[in-house]
Amino acid sequence: MKRILIIEDEPSTGENLTEILELEGFQPLLATDGRQGLELALRELPDLILCDVMMPELNGHDVLASLRAQEATKRIPFIFLTARGERQDIRVGMNLGADDYLIKPVLAEDLLEAIEARLERAQQQKGFCADFKSAGPLEKLGLSPRESEILLWVAQGKSNFEIGVILQISSTTVKKHLVHIYEKLGVESRNAATVRAFEMLSAEPV
């Protein structure tokens, strides 16, 4: 049973998320502020974390930065769930290493779809020890610096829209770059390109 840590300071939202996850067969863990959530994450090592941004004690960005800085938790899928949806907030969260960013109120099916997608991505990465700190190694695939940067974000599961927000370019521009990336790599899909990226970004298989 997959364990999902919910870090949410609003009681009704926390209870609602807990109920949704329980009905879908997950084992939810609930923390009511950022500091408690960080402690739970370090102790329990959940399979995925859902986290609000604006919280007392420790905000979501600080929680994520702390988790990404530690070996035991740096690869746990992390989804921000917040009422704040400005592009700048999304960019900050993604640059810190968030895997997704859902805006409240979120439909149960959208939440579950995001969770399943991130768990599947984590499973895909399991055979590798990819280091996402730099896109430099991807240039060895014959990609330009910009193409390498885009592939780096693709390998982390980001959508064209999210990559556009992070890099401050349009989704159409991201799509055009991806066409060139696929041609240079000799692949036809996002998943195939991701595997090539994992191979280049991993010092050695786990």
Protein backbone atom coordinates (compact mmCIF):
# COMPACT_ATOMS: atom_id res chain seq x y z
CA MET A 1 0.00 0.00 0.00
CA LYS A 2 1.46 3.35 -1.08
CA ARG A 3 1.79 5.90 1.70
CA ILE A 4 0.91 9.52 0.90
CA LEU A 5 1.94 12.31 3.28
CA ILE A 6 -0.50 15.25 3.34
CA ILE A 7 0.90 18.50 4.75
CA GLU A 8 -2.11 20.80 5.12
CA ASP A 9 -2.98 23.30 7.86
CA GLU A 10 -6.67 23.63 6.96
CA PRO A 11 -8.52 20.84 8.86
CA SER A 12 -11.40 20.40 6.40
CA THR A 13 -9.04 20.14 3.42
CA GLY A 14 -6.81 17.68 5.23
CA GLU A 15 -9.77 15.51 6.17
CA ASN A 16 -11.15 15.60 2.62
CA LEU A 17 -7.81 14.59 1.10
CA THR A 18 -7.44 11.81 3.66
CA GLU A 19 -10.87 10.42 2.79
CA ILE A 20 -10.20 10.53 -0.97
CA LEU A 21 -6.90 8.70 -0.59
CA GLU A 22 -8.29 6.07 1.78
CA LEU A 23 -11.13 5.30 -0.67
CA GLU A 24 -8.52 4.73 -3.40
CA GLY A 25 -6.51 2.30 -1.31
CA PHE A 26 -3.69 4.60 -0.26
CA GLN A 27 -2.41 4.96 3.29
CA PRO A 28 -2.57 8.69 4.11
CA LEU A 29 -0.40 10.37 6.74
CA LEU A 30 -1.52 13.83 7.87
CA ALA A 31 0.59 16.72 9.18
CA THR A 32 -1.05 20.02 10.12
CA ASP A 33 1.92 22.33 9.58
CA GLY A 34 5.18 22.45 7.67
CA ARG A 35 7.48 21.60 10.55
CA GLN A 36 5.45 18.54 11.52
CA GLY A 37 5.27 17.54 7.87
CA LEU A 38 9.04 17.73 7.49
CA GLU A 39 9.55 15.60 10.59
CA LEU A 40 7.02 13.01 9.35
CA ALA A 41 8.60 12.90 5.91
CA LEU A 42 12.06 12.26 7.35
CA ARG A 43 10.79 9.61 9.74
CA GLU A 44 8.25 7.77 7.56
CA LEU A 45 9.77 8.25 4.06
CA PRO A 46 6.38 8.25 2.28
CA ASP A 47 5.94 7.29 -1.36
CA LEU A 48 4.61 10.75 -2.26
CA ILE A 49 3.96 14.09 -0.57
CA LEU A 50 1.04 16.51 -1.04
CA CYS A 51 1.87 19.88 0.45
CA ASP A 52 0.21 23.28 0.86
CA VAL A 53 2.40 26.35 0.29
CA MET A 54 1.16 28.91 2.82
CA MET A 55 1.44 27.35 6.29
CA PRO A 56 2.53 28.32 9.81
CA GLU A 57 5.88 27.27 11.25
CA LEU A 58 7.41 26.34 7.89
CA ASN A 59 5.97 27.10 4.45
CA GLY A 60 5.78 24.60 1.61
CA HIS A 61 8.77 25.99 -0.27
CA ASP A 62 10.95 25.62 2.83
CA VAL A 63 9.69 22.07 3.38
CA LEU A 64 10.53 21.11 -0.20
CA ALA A 65 13.97 22.75 -0.09
CA SER A 66 14.80 20.83 3.11
CA LEU A 67 13.65 17.51 1.66
CA ARG A 68 15.51 17.96 -1.63
CA ALA A 69 18.71 18.71 0.31
CA GLN A 70 18.73 15.30 2.03
CA GLU A 71 19.67 12.03 0.39
CA ALA A 72 16.85 9.97 1.96
CA THR A 73 14.07 12.28 0.76
CA LYS A 74 15.37 14.10 -2.31
CA ARG A 75 13.63 11.78 -4.79
CA ILE A 76 10.23 11.50 -3.08
CA PRO A 77 7.56 12.79 -5.54
CA PHE A 78 6.28 16.14 -4.27
CA ILE A 79 3.06 17.85 -5.33
CA PHE A 80 2.10 21.36 -4.24
CA LEU A 81 -1.62 21.76 -3.55
CA THR A 82 -2.47 25.40 -3.04
CA ALA A 83 -4.89 28.22 -3.72
CA ARG A 84 -2.05 30.29 -5.17
CA GLY A 85 -1.73 29.87 -8.90
CA GLU A 86 0.36 32.79 -10.14
CA ARG A 87 3.03 31.89 -12.69
CA GLN A 88 5.77 33.21 -10.39
CA ASP A 89 4.66 30.87 -7.57
CA ILE A 90 4.63 27.91 -9.96
CA ARG A 91 8.10 28.82 -11.22
CA VAL A 92 9.51 29.04 -7.69
CA GLY A 93 8.03 25.66 -6.75
CA MET A 94 9.27 23.93 -9.88
CA ASN A 95 12.77 25.36 -9.54
CA LEU A 96 12.92 23.98 -6.01
CA GLY A 97 12.15 20.53 -7.40
CA ALA A 98 8.38 20.16 -7.12
CA ASP A 99 6.95 17.45 -9.38
CA ASP A 100 3.53 19.03 -9.86
CA TYR A 101 1.47 22.03 -8.83
CA LEU A 102 -2.30 21.66 -8.38
CA ILE A 103 -4.58 24.61 -7.69
CA LYS A 104 -7.30 24.37 -5.04
CA PRO A 105 -10.05 23.41 -5.24
CA VAL A 106 -8.91 20.36 -7.17
CA LEU A 107 -11.24 17.63 -8.36
CA ALA A 108 -10.65 14.19 -6.85
CA GLU A 109 -10.03 12.66 -10.29
CA ASP A 110 -7.44 15.33 -11.15
CA LEU A 111 -5.68 14.79 -7.83
CA LEU A 112 -5.59 11.02 -8.24
CA GLU A 113 -4.42 11.31 -11.85
CA ALA A 114 -1.51 13.51 -10.73
CA ILE A 115 -0.60 11.13 -7.93
CA GLU A 116 -0.63 8.07 -10.19
CA ALA A 117 1.46 9.88 -12.81
CA ARG A 118 4.10 10.85 -10.26
CA LEU A 119 4.22 7.40 -8.69
CA GLU A 120 4.63 5.89 -12.15
CA ARG A 121 7.44 8.34 -12.92
CA ALA A 122 9.17 7.47 -9.65
CA GLN A 123 8.99 3.79 -10.57
CA GLN A 124 10.46 4.56 -13.98
CA GLN A 125 13.40 6.35 -12.34
CA LYS A 126 14.01 3.56 -9.85
CA GLY A 127 16.67 1.81 -11.92
CA PHE A 128 18.70 4.99 -12.21
CA CYS A 129 20.38 7.48 -9.90
CA ALA A 130 19.82 10.55 -12.03
CA ASP A 131 21.39 13.83 -10.96
CA PHE A 132 19.19 16.70 -12.12
CA LYS A 133 21.45 19.52 -10.89
CA SER A 134 22.85 20.31 -14.34
CA ALA A 135 21.81 19.88 -17.95
CA GLY A 136 25.47 19.81 -19.02
CA PRO A 137 25.75 16.02 -19.44
CA LEU A 138 22.83 16.08 -21.89
CA GLU A 139 24.83 18.21 -24.32
CA LYS A 140 26.92 15.08 -24.95
CA LEU A 141 23.86 13.75 -26.79
CA GLY A 142 24.41 16.44 -29.43
CA LEU A 143 21.84 18.83 -27.96
CA SER A 144 22.16 22.60 -27.67
CA PRO A 145 22.27 24.14 -24.16
CA ARG A 146 18.59 25.15 -24.46
CA GLU A 147 17.54 21.72 -25.74
CA SER A 148 19.50 20.09 -22.92
CA GLU A 149 17.76 22.32 -20.39
CA ILE A 150 14.34 21.38 -21.77
CA LEU A 151 15.17 17.67 -21.77
CA LEU A 152 16.35 17.99 -18.17
CA TRP A 153 12.89 19.23 -17.17
CA VAL A 154 11.15 16.63 -19.35
CA ALA A 155 13.10 13.93 -17.51
CA GLN A 156 11.71 15.31 -14.25
CA GLY A 157 8.17 14.86 -15.52
CA LYS A 158 7.35 18.46 -16.35
CA SER A 159 4.71 19.27 -18.96
CA ASN A 160 5.31 21.67 -21.85
CA PHE A 161 3.30 24.31 -20.00
CA GLU A 162 5.34 23.89 -16.82
CA ILE A 163 8.63 24.00 -18.72
CA GLY A 164 7.44 27.17 -20.43
CA VAL A 165 6.66 28.77 -17.07
CA ILE A 166 10.04 27.77 -15.64
CA LEU A 167 12.04 28.98 -18.66
CA GLN A 168 9.72 31.93 -19.41
CA ILE A 169 9.02 30.78 -22.97
CA SER A 170 5.79 29.68 -24.66
CA SER A 171 4.53 26.11 -24.70
CA THR A 172 4.71 26.27 -28.50
CA THR A 173 8.42 27.07 -28.31
CA VAL A 174 8.95 24.17 -25.93
CA LYS A 175 7.14 21.86 -28.36
CA LYS A 176 9.35 23.00 -31.26
CA HIS A 177 12.48 22.32 -29.24
CA LEU A 178 11.17 18.85 -28.38
CA VAL A 179 10.72 18.02 -32.06
CA HIS A 180 14.41 18.80 -32.60
CA ILE A 181 15.39 16.85 -29.47
CA TYR A 182 13.53 13.74 -30.66
CA GLU A 183 15.18 14.01 -34.09
CA LYS A 184 18.67 14.32 -32.60
CA LEU A 185 18.12 11.43 -30.18
CA GLY A 186 16.49 9.23 -32.80
CA VAL A 187 13.40 8.68 -30.63
CA GLU A 188 9.70 9.22 -31.19
CA SER A 189 8.28 9.76 -27.71
CA ARG A 190 8.70 11.68 -24.48
CA ASN A 191 9.25 8.45 -22.53
CA ALA A 192 12.05 7.31 -24.84
CA ALA A 193 13.74 10.70 -24.56
CA THR A 194 13.40 10.52 -20.78
CA VAL A 195 15.14 7.16 -20.64
CA ARG A 196 18.05 8.54 -22.69
CA ALA A 197 18.25 11.46 -20.26
CA PHE A 198 18.26 9.13 -17.24
CA GLU A 199 21.13 7.19 -18.78
CA MET A 200 23.21 10.34 -19.26
CA LEU A 201 22.36 11.85 -15.88
CA SER A 202 23.08 8.71 -13.89
CA ALA A 203 26.61 8.11 -12.72
CA GLU A 204 25.78 4.41 -12.65
CA PRO A 205 22.61 2.29 -12.32
CA VAL A 206 21.33 1.70 -8.79
